[in-house]
Amino acid sequence: MSAQEPARHKISTRIWHWVNLIAIVVLFMSGLNISNAHPYLYWGEWGFSPDQAWLAVPRFPGWMTIPDYYSLAKARDWHLLMTFPLAFGLLGMWIAMLVNGHFRRDLTTTKCEWSWPAIRHEIAAHARFDFSQHGGKYNFLQKLSYGGVLGILLPGMILTGLAISPGMEPTLWWLVDILGGRQSARSIHFLFAWGLAGFFVIHVALVLLTGPIGHLRAMIVGGTHEPTNPPFARPDDSKGDAA
């Protein structure tokens, strides 16, 4: 990589990416173990019996959980351990993005990107597996998904996690009230966790489709890899303006 070619991902992004990956995986798998303790979700301040639940969650097998056997105490220990790198890592990432211009330069959207013709063009391009970038690091759907993860799902996971923590609830009663009660916070926490899981699956699939070796190199050592279309992609060669 020459001095004239900046790395696709800054070092702050690369460090956060891998630390966050470990934290999210451990939090998710230990959370499934915690879910096994009472696999019912409710809305409001309280809930106990299955007939009050809005969702009965299936019991998760050992290969999906940490530890790989049912233990509420050990699962909570793992959950608490990974909470700190998740929370402080996200705070550090936001500070870095604002300081180095990554948020303003790469993640903010423009008014024209929110027009229906432009959105329809992006959706159609993804349906054709055409991931070509035109004049920017990320396309609109990428900006929307990364913004949703960094600005909604991850902060939401932290806030709802605090609200349902038995040790924090007496101090953060106002947060519990804002979220509609402890059981509502637990339901939102569950939904956000699976939202992150869905993002993870799609993210990995797209990495595999658009040059996985180059993506990994760029995210580890800071290469300049740009996404490449899979062989079965159908790029749109038209010159028209989508907006």
C-alpha atoms as a PDB file:
ATOM      1  CA  MET A   1       0.000   0.000   0.000  1.00  0.00           C
ATOM      2  CA  SER A   2       1.554   3.276  -1.118  1.00  0.00           C
ATOM      3  CA  ALA A   3       1.616   6.456   0.920  1.00  0.00           C
ATOM      4  CA  GLN A   4      -0.892   8.006  -1.506  1.00  0.00           C
ATOM      5  CA  GLU A   5      -3.469   5.277  -0.878  1.00  0.00           C
ATOM      6  CA  PRO A   6      -5.167   5.674   2.505  1.00  0.00           C
ATOM      7  CA  ALA A   7      -6.372   2.550   4.272  1.00  0.00           C
ATOM      8  CA  ARG A   8     -10.021   1.720   3.664  1.00  0.00           C
ATOM      9  CA  HIS A   9     -10.575   1.452   7.424  1.00  0.00           C
ATOM     10  CA  LYS A  10      -8.816   3.573  10.038  1.00  0.00           C
ATOM     11  CA  ILE A  11      -7.064   1.781  12.874  1.00  0.00           C
ATOM     12  CA  SER A  12      -9.718   2.874  15.375  1.00  0.00           C
ATOM     13  CA  THR A  13     -12.381   1.212  13.218  1.00  0.00           C
ATOM     14  CA  ARG A  14     -10.343  -1.982  12.837  1.00  0.00           C
ATOM     15  CA  ILE A  15      -9.653  -2.358  16.559  1.00  0.00           C
ATOM     16  CA  TRP A  16     -13.268  -1.652  17.470  1.00  0.00           C
ATOM     17  CA  HIS A  17     -14.553  -4.073  14.835  1.00  0.00           C
ATOM     18  CA  TRP A  18     -12.752  -7.108  16.259  1.00  0.00           C
ATOM     19  CA  VAL A  19     -13.234  -6.225  19.936  1.00  0.00           C
ATOM     20  CA  ASN A  20     -16.921  -5.604  19.268  1.00  0.00           C
ATOM     21  CA  LEU A  21     -17.245  -8.895  17.365  1.00  0.00           C
ATOM     22  CA  ILE A  22     -15.947 -10.877  20.342  1.00  0.00           C
ATOM     23  CA  ALA A  23     -18.129  -8.942  22.778  1.00  0.00           C
ATOM     24  CA  ILE A  24     -21.293  -9.345  20.691  1.00  0.00           C
ATOM     25  CA  VAL A  25     -20.808 -13.088  20.134  1.00  0.00           C
ATOM     26  CA  VAL A  26     -20.210 -13.779  23.836  1.00  0.00           C
ATOM     27  CA  LEU A  27     -23.069 -11.493  24.900  1.00  0.00           C
ATOM     28  CA  PHE A  28     -25.463 -13.124  22.444  1.00  0.00           C
ATOM     29  CA  MET A  29     -24.592 -16.704  23.378  1.00  0.00           C
ATOM     30  CA  SER A  30     -24.614 -16.029  27.125  1.00  0.00           C
ATOM     31  CA  GLY A  31     -27.895 -14.134  26.624  1.00  0.00           C
ATOM     32  CA  LEU A  32     -29.458 -17.233  25.089  1.00  0.00           C
ATOM     33  CA  ASN A  33     -28.464 -19.158  28.211  1.00  0.00           C
ATOM     34  CA  ILE A  34     -30.074 -16.450  30.363  1.00  0.00           C
ATOM     35  CA  SER A  35     -33.201 -16.646  28.203  1.00  0.00           C
ATOM     36  CA  ASN A  36     -33.483 -20.358  28.984  1.00  0.00           C
ATOM     37  CA  ALA A  37     -34.077 -19.458  32.643  1.00  0.00           C
ATOM     38  CA  HIS A  38     -37.466 -17.964  31.782  1.00  0.00           C
ATOM     39  CA  PRO A  39     -38.321 -18.228  28.061  1.00  0.00           C
ATOM     40  CA  TYR A  40     -41.307 -15.869  28.040  1.00  0.00           C
ATOM     41  CA  LEU A  41     -41.488 -12.189  27.112  1.00  0.00           C
ATOM     42  CA  TYR A  42     -43.979  -9.607  28.400  1.00  0.00           C
ATOM     43  CA  TRP A  43     -44.835  -5.922  28.062  1.00  0.00           C
ATOM     44  CA  GLY A  44     -45.171  -3.564  30.999  1.00  0.00           C
ATOM     45  CA  GLU A  45     -43.855  -3.604  34.540  1.00  0.00           C
ATOM     46  CA  TRP A  46     -44.172  -7.285  35.308  1.00  0.00           C
ATOM     47  CA  GLY A  47     -45.035 -10.723  33.972  1.00  0.00           C
ATOM     48  CA  PHE A  48     -44.696 -14.286  35.139  1.00  0.00           C
ATOM     49  CA  SER A  49     -47.207 -16.799  33.797  1.00  0.00           C
ATOM     50  CA  PRO A  50     -47.028 -18.046  30.174  1.00  0.00           C
ATOM     51  CA  ASP A  51     -50.584 -16.875  29.418  1.00  0.00           C
ATOM     52  CA  GLN A  52     -49.449 -13.259  30.003  1.00  0.00           C
ATOM     53  CA  ALA A  53     -46.551 -13.507  27.552  1.00  0.00           C
ATOM     54  CA  TRP A  54     -46.608 -12.035  24.064  1.00  0.00           C
ATOM     55  CA  LEU A  55     -43.902 -14.491  22.973  1.00  0.00           C
ATOM     56  CA  ALA A  56     -42.800 -17.930  24.143  1.00  0.00           C
ATOM     57  CA  VAL A  57     -39.121 -18.241  23.254  1.00  0.00           C
ATOM     58  CA  PRO A  58     -37.846 -21.716  22.329  1.00  0.00           C
ATOM     59  CA  ARG A  59     -35.229 -23.293  24.559  1.00  0.00           C
ATOM     60  CA  PHE A  60     -31.772 -22.923  23.025  1.00  0.00           C
ATOM     61  CA  PRO A  61     -29.454 -25.955  22.803  1.00  0.00           C
ATOM     62  CA  GLY A  62     -26.052 -26.040  24.493  1.00  0.00           C
ATOM     63  CA  TRP A  63     -24.061 -25.477  21.288  1.00  0.00           C
ATOM     64  CA  MET A  64     -25.711 -22.043  20.963  1.00  0.00           C
ATOM     65  CA  THR A  65     -25.055 -20.913  24.535  1.00  0.00           C
ATOM     66  CA  ILE A  66     -22.206 -19.860  26.839  1.00  0.00           C
ATOM     67  CA  PRO A  67     -21.564 -21.926  28.848  1.00  0.00           C
ATOM     68  CA  ASP A  68     -22.709 -24.937  26.830  1.00  0.00           C
ATOM     69  CA  TYR A  69     -24.867 -26.156  29.717  1.00  0.00           C
ATOM     70  CA  TYR A  70     -27.574 -24.362  31.615  1.00  0.00           C
ATOM     71  CA  SER A  71     -26.157 -22.112  34.339  1.00  0.00           C
ATOM     72  CA  LEU A  72     -27.818 -18.770  34.972  1.00  0.00           C
ATOM     73  CA  ALA A  73     -25.048 -17.608  37.317  1.00  0.00           C
ATOM     74  CA  LYS A  74     -22.171 -18.361  34.934  1.00  0.00           C
ATOM     75  CA  ALA A  75     -24.075 -16.964  31.954  1.00  0.00           C
ATOM     76  CA  ARG A  76     -24.611 -13.707  33.842  1.00  0.00           C
ATOM     77  CA  ASP A  77     -20.892 -13.588  34.701  1.00  0.00           C
ATOM     78  CA  TRP A  78     -19.989 -13.870  30.996  1.00  0.00           C
ATOM     79  CA  HIS A  79     -22.657 -11.331  30.107  1.00  0.00           C
ATOM     80  CA  LEU A  80     -21.370  -8.786  32.615  1.00  0.00           C
ATOM     81  CA  LEU A  81     -17.758  -9.353  31.567  1.00  0.00           C
ATOM     82  CA  MET A  82     -18.454  -8.476  27.928  1.00  0.00           C
ATOM     83  CA  THR A  83     -20.702  -5.524  28.750  1.00  0.00           C
ATOM     84  CA  PHE A  84     -17.730  -3.288  29.491  1.00  0.00           C
ATOM     85  CA  PRO A  85     -15.837  -3.709  26.184  1.00  0.00           C
ATOM     86  CA  LEU A  86     -19.147  -3.300  24.330  1.00  0.00           C
ATOM     87  CA  ALA A  87     -20.147  -0.082  26.100  1.00  0.00           C
ATOM     88  CA  PHE A  88     -16.765   1.615  26.330  1.00  0.00           C
ATOM     89  CA  GLY A  89     -15.805   0.396  22.861  1.00  0.00           C
ATOM     90  CA  LEU A  90     -18.936   1.969  21.372  1.00  0.00           C
ATOM     91  CA  LEU A  91     -18.254   5.236  23.206  1.00  0.00           C
ATOM     92  CA  GLY A  92     -14.671   5.253  21.927  1.00  0.00           C
ATOM     93  CA  MET A  93     -15.827   4.463  18.394  1.00  0.00           C
ATOM     94  CA  TRP A  94     -18.279   7.371  18.367  1.00  0.00           C
ATOM     95  CA  ILE A  95     -15.599   9.759  19.644  1.00  0.00           C
ATOM     96  CA  ALA A  96     -13.166   8.516  16.987  1.00  0.00           C
ATOM     97  CA  MET A  97     -15.767   8.789  14.194  1.00  0.00           C
ATOM     98  CA  LEU A  98     -16.585  12.369  15.127  1.00  0.00           C
ATOM     99  CA  VAL A  99     -12.925  13.391  15.524  1.00  0.00           C
ATOM    100  CA  ASN A 100     -11.515  11.769  12.378  1.00  0.00           C
ATOM    101  CA  GLY A 101     -14.484  12.695  10.197  1.00  0.00           C
ATOM    102  CA  HIS A 102     -15.529   9.118   9.449  1.00  0.00           C
ATOM    103  CA  PHE A 103     -19.136   9.756  10.503  1.00  0.00           C
ATOM    104  CA  ARG A 104     -19.541  12.969   8.490  1.00  0.00           C
ATOM    105  CA  ARG A 105     -17.620  11.692   5.468  1.00  0.00           C
ATOM    106  CA  ASP A 106     -18.861   8.130   5.142  1.00  0.00           C
ATOM    107  CA  LEU A 107     -22.047   7.586   7.148  1.00  0.00           C
ATOM    108  CA  THR A 108     -24.157  10.727   6.819  1.00  0.00           C
ATOM    109  CA  THR A 109     -26.803  10.638   4.108  1.00  0.00           C
ATOM    110  CA  THR A 110     -27.862  13.359   1.697  1.00  0.00           C
ATOM    111  CA  LYS A 111     -31.354  14.583   0.904  1.00  0.00           C
ATOM    112  CA  CYS A 112     -31.305  13.110  -2.582  1.00  0.00           C
ATOM    113  CA  GLU A 113     -30.446   9.666  -1.197  1.00  0.00           C
ATOM    114  CA  TRP A 114     -33.767   9.659   0.660  1.00  0.00           C
ATOM    115  CA  SER A 115     -35.810  10.135  -2.517  1.00  0.00           C
ATOM    116  CA  TRP A 116     -37.874   7.121  -3.512  1.00  0.00           C
ATOM    117  CA  PRO A 117     -36.291   6.748  -6.998  1.00  0.00           C
ATOM    118  CA  ALA A 118     -32.808   6.642  -5.426  1.00  0.00           C
ATOM    119  CA  ILE A 119     -33.879   4.131  -2.777  1.00  0.00           C
ATOM    120  CA  ARG A 120     -35.603   1.985  -5.394  1.00  0.00           C
ATOM    121  CA  HIS A 121     -32.421   2.074  -7.510  1.00  0.00           C
ATOM    122  CA  GLU A 122     -30.329   0.880  -4.542  1.00  0.00           C
ATOM    123  CA  ILE A 123     -32.748  -1.945  -3.735  1.00  0.00           C
ATOM    124  CA  ALA A 124     -32.802  -3.053  -7.376  1.00  0.00           C
ATOM    125  CA  ALA A 125     -28.990  -2.996  -7.531  1.00  0.00           C
ATOM    126  CA  HIS A 126     -28.738  -5.192  -4.434  1.00  0.00           C
ATOM    127  CA  ALA A 127     -31.343  -7.568  -5.872  1.00  0.00           C
ATOM    128  CA  ARG A 128     -29.028  -7.956  -8.910  1.00  0.00           C
ATOM    129  CA  PHE A 129     -26.037  -8.478  -6.562  1.00  0.00           C
ATOM    130  CA  ASP A 130     -24.510  -5.310  -7.976  1.00  0.00           C
ATOM    131  CA  PHE A 131     -22.541  -3.787  -5.105  1.00  0.00           C
ATOM    132  CA  SER A 132     -20.574  -1.232  -7.135  1.00  0.00           C
ATOM    133  CA  GLN A 133     -19.893   2.006  -5.286  1.00  0.00           C
ATOM    134  CA  HIS A 134     -20.413   5.219  -7.227  1.00  0.00           C
ATOM    135  CA  GLY A 135     -18.739   8.258  -5.702  1.00  0.00           C
ATOM    136  CA  GLY A 136     -18.656   7.114  -2.082  1.00  0.00           C
ATOM    137  CA  LYS A 137     -17.320   4.546   0.343  1.00  0.00           C
ATOM    138  CA  TYR A 138     -20.772   3.202   1.249  1.00  0.00           C
ATOM    139  CA  ASN A 139     -24.059   3.134  -0.595  1.00  0.00           C
ATOM    140  CA  PHE A 140     -27.304   4.341   0.973  1.00  0.00           C
ATOM    141  CA  LEU A 141     -28.406   0.947   2.314  1.00  0.00           C
ATOM    142  CA  GLN A 142     -25.013   0.437   3.935  1.00  0.00           C
ATOM    143  CA  LYS A 143     -25.169   3.860   5.560  1.00  0.00           C
ATOM    144  CA  LEU A 144     -28.669   3.084   6.808  1.00  0.00           C
ATOM    145  CA  SER A 145     -27.700  -0.297   8.258  1.00  0.00           C
ATOM    146  CA  TYR A 146     -24.432   0.878   9.848  1.00  0.00           C
ATOM    147  CA  GLY A 147     -26.186   3.947  11.233  1.00  0.00           C
ATOM    148  CA  GLY A 148     -28.940   1.747  12.655  1.00  0.00           C
ATOM    149  CA  VAL A 149     -26.422  -0.534  14.353  1.00  0.00           C
ATOM    150  CA  LEU A 150     -24.188   2.241  15.719  1.00  0.00           C
ATOM    151  CA  GLY A 151     -26.947   4.674  16.607  1.00  0.00           C
ATOM    152  CA  ILE A 152     -29.906   2.487  17.584  1.00  0.00           C
ATOM    153  CA  LEU A 153     -29.255  -1.228  18.154  1.00  0.00           C
ATOM    154  CA  LEU A 154     -25.976  -1.095  20.101  1.00  0.00           C
ATOM    155  CA  PRO A 155     -26.911   1.913  22.294  1.00  0.00           C
ATOM    156  CA  GLY A 156     -30.366   0.373  22.741  1.00  0.00           C
ATOM    157  CA  MET A 157     -28.849  -2.919  23.865  1.00  0.00           C
ATOM    158  CA  ILE A 158     -26.759  -1.106  26.476  1.00  0.00           C
ATOM    159  CA  LEU A 159     -29.642   1.010  27.799  1.00  0.00           C
ATOM    160  CA  THR A 160     -32.143  -1.849  27.960  1.00  0.00           C
ATOM    161  CA  GLY A 161     -29.479  -4.055  29.534  1.00  0.00           C
ATOM    162  CA  LEU A 162     -29.008  -1.481  32.286  1.00  0.00           C
ATOM    163  CA  ALA A 163     -32.771  -1.241  32.764  1.00  0.00           C
ATOM    164  CA  ILE A 164     -33.202  -4.988  33.316  1.00  0.00           C
ATOM    165  CA  SER A 165     -30.151  -5.382  35.529  1.00  0.00           C
ATOM    166  CA  PRO A 166     -31.386  -6.104  39.087  1.00  0.00           C
ATOM    167  CA  GLY A 167     -28.510  -4.127  40.582  1.00  0.00           C
ATOM    168  CA  MET A 168     -29.128  -1.032  38.463  1.00  0.00           C
ATOM    169  CA  GLU A 169     -32.923  -0.850  38.455  1.00  0.00           C
ATOM    170  CA  PRO A 170     -33.261   1.025  41.788  1.00  0.00           C
ATOM    171  CA  THR A 171     -30.853   3.733  40.567  1.00  0.00           C
ATOM    172  CA  LEU A 172     -32.073   3.918  36.973  1.00  0.00           C
ATOM    173  CA  TRP A 173     -35.801   3.746  37.726  1.00  0.00           C
ATOM    174  CA  TRP A 174     -36.346   6.685  35.356  1.00  0.00           C
ATOM    175  CA  LEU A 175     -34.845   4.688  32.475  1.00  0.00           C
ATOM    176  CA  VAL A 176     -37.101   1.743  33.304  1.00  0.00           C
ATOM    177  CA  ASP A 177     -40.108   4.105  33.232  1.00  0.00           C
ATOM    178  CA  ILE A 178     -39.069   5.595  29.868  1.00  0.00           C
ATOM    179  CA  LEU A 179     -38.840   2.089  28.384  1.00  0.00           C
ATOM    180  CA  GLY A 180     -42.312   1.219  29.637  1.00  0.00           C
ATOM    181  CA  GLY A 181     -41.361  -1.044  32.522  1.00  0.00           C
ATOM    182  CA  ARG A 182     -38.786  -3.733  33.239  1.00  0.00           C
ATOM    183  CA  GLN A 183     -40.523  -6.399  31.192  1.00  0.00           C
ATOM    184  CA  SER A 184     -40.877  -4.046  28.219  1.00  0.00           C
ATOM    185  CA  ALA A 185     -37.152  -3.298  28.484  1.00  0.00           C
ATOM    186  CA  ARG A 186     -36.448  -7.041  28.489  1.00  0.00           C
ATOM    187  CA  SER A 187     -38.573  -7.541  25.367  1.00  0.00           C
ATOM    188  CA  ILE A 188     -36.850  -4.660  23.560  1.00  0.00           C
ATOM    189  CA  HIS A 189     -33.468  -6.063  24.626  1.00  0.00           C
ATOM    190  CA  PHE A 190     -34.418  -9.418  23.103  1.00  0.00           C
ATOM    191  CA  LEU A 191     -35.636  -7.863  19.834  1.00  0.00           C
ATOM    192  CA  PHE A 192     -32.523  -5.687  19.473  1.00  0.00           C
ATOM    193  CA  ALA A 193     -30.295  -8.718  20.122  1.00  0.00           C
ATOM    194  CA  TRP A 194     -31.914 -10.627  17.268  1.00  0.00           C
ATOM    195  CA  GLY A 195     -31.761  -7.507  15.118  1.00  0.00           C
ATOM    196  CA  LEU A 196     -27.985  -7.532  15.617  1.00  0.00           C
ATOM    197  CA  ALA A 197     -27.909 -11.251  14.833  1.00  0.00           C
ATOM    198  CA  GLY A 198     -29.745 -10.595  11.562  1.00  0.00           C
ATOM    199  CA  PHE A 199     -27.319  -7.806  10.675  1.00  0.00           C
ATOM    200  CA  PHE A 200     -24.388 -10.126  11.448  1.00  0.00           C
ATOM    201  CA  VAL A 201     -25.678 -12.857   9.113  1.00  0.00           C
ATOM    202  CA  ILE A 202     -26.302 -10.424   6.228  1.00  0.00           C
ATOM    203  CA  HIS A 203     -22.971  -8.668   6.833  1.00  0.00           C
ATOM    204  CA  VAL A 204     -21.004 -11.933   6.686  1.00  0.00           C
ATOM    205  CA  ALA A 205     -22.914 -13.080   3.587  1.00  0.00           C
ATOM    206  CA  LEU A 206     -22.111  -9.838   1.749  1.00  0.00           C
ATOM    207  CA  VAL A 207     -18.443 -10.044   2.752  1.00  0.00           C
ATOM    208  CA  LEU A 208     -18.285 -13.569   1.323  1.00  0.00           C
ATOM    209  CA  LEU A 209     -19.918 -12.375  -1.904  1.00  0.00           C
ATOM    210  CA  THR A 210     -17.715  -9.322  -2.481  1.00  0.00           C
ATOM    211  CA  GLY A 211     -14.157 -10.534  -1.947  1.00  0.00           C
ATOM    212  CA  PRO A 212     -13.681 -12.010   1.545  1.00  0.00           C
ATOM    213  CA  ILE A 213      -9.868 -12.148   1.478  1.00  0.00           C
ATOM    214  CA  GLY A 214      -9.594  -8.496   0.510  1.00  0.00           C
ATOM    215  CA  HIS A 215     -12.163  -7.479   3.112  1.00  0.00           C
ATOM    216  CA  LEU A 216     -10.332  -9.365   5.865  1.00  0.00           C
ATOM    217  CA  ARG A 217      -6.989  -7.883   4.846  1.00  0.00           C
ATOM    218  CA  ALA A 218      -8.482  -4.378   4.854  1.00  0.00           C
ATOM    219  CA  MET A 219     -10.057  -4.898   8.283  1.00  0.00           C
ATOM    220  CA  ILE A 220      -6.890  -6.403   9.805  1.00  0.00           C
ATOM    221  CA  VAL A 221      -3.956  -4.487   8.309  1.00  0.00           C
ATOM    222  CA  GLY A 222      -5.770  -1.580   6.629  1.00  0.00           C
ATOM    223  CA  GLY A 223      -5.651  -2.499   2.947  1.00  0.00           C
ATOM    224  CA  THR A 224      -7.446  -0.606   0.189  1.00  0.00           C
ATOM    225  CA  HIS A 225      -9.757  -3.406  -0.958  1.00  0.00           C
ATOM    226  CA  GLU A 226     -12.968  -2.276  -2.643  1.00  0.00           C
ATOM    227  CA  PRO A 227     -15.984  -4.614  -2.838  1.00  0.00           C
ATOM    228  CA  THR A 228     -16.128  -6.720  -6.011  1.00  0.00           C
ATOM    229  CA  ASN A 229     -19.282  -8.115  -7.554  1.00  0.00           C
ATOM    230  CA  PRO A 230     -19.817 -11.905  -7.544  1.00  0.00           C
ATOM    231  CA  PRO A 231     -19.670 -13.663 -10.950  1.00  0.00           C
ATOM    232  CA  PHE A 232     -23.461 -13.956 -11.142  1.00  0.00           C
ATOM    233  CA  ALA A 233     -24.069 -10.215 -10.575  1.00  0.00           C
ATOM    234  CA  ARG A 234     -26.033  -8.279 -13.177  1.00  0.00           C
ATOM    235  CA  PRO A 235     -24.685  -4.685 -13.106  1.00  0.00           C
ATOM    236  CA  ASP A 236     -26.797  -1.894 -14.505  1.00  0.00           C
ATOM    237  CA  ASP A 237     -24.872  -0.312 -17.363  1.00  0.00           C
ATOM    238  CA  SER A 238     -27.366   2.463 -17.902  1.00  0.00           C
ATOM    239  CA  LYS A 239     -26.125   6.033 -17.540  1.00  0.00           C
ATOM    240  CA  GLY A 240     -29.366   7.466 -16.175  1.00  0.00           C
ATOM    241  CA  ASP A 241     -29.528   9.332 -12.917  1.00  0.00           C
ATOM    242  CA  ALA A 242     -31.351   7.228 -10.352  1.00  0.00           C
ATOM    243  CA  ALA A 243     -32.396  10.245  -8.319  1.00  0.00           C
END
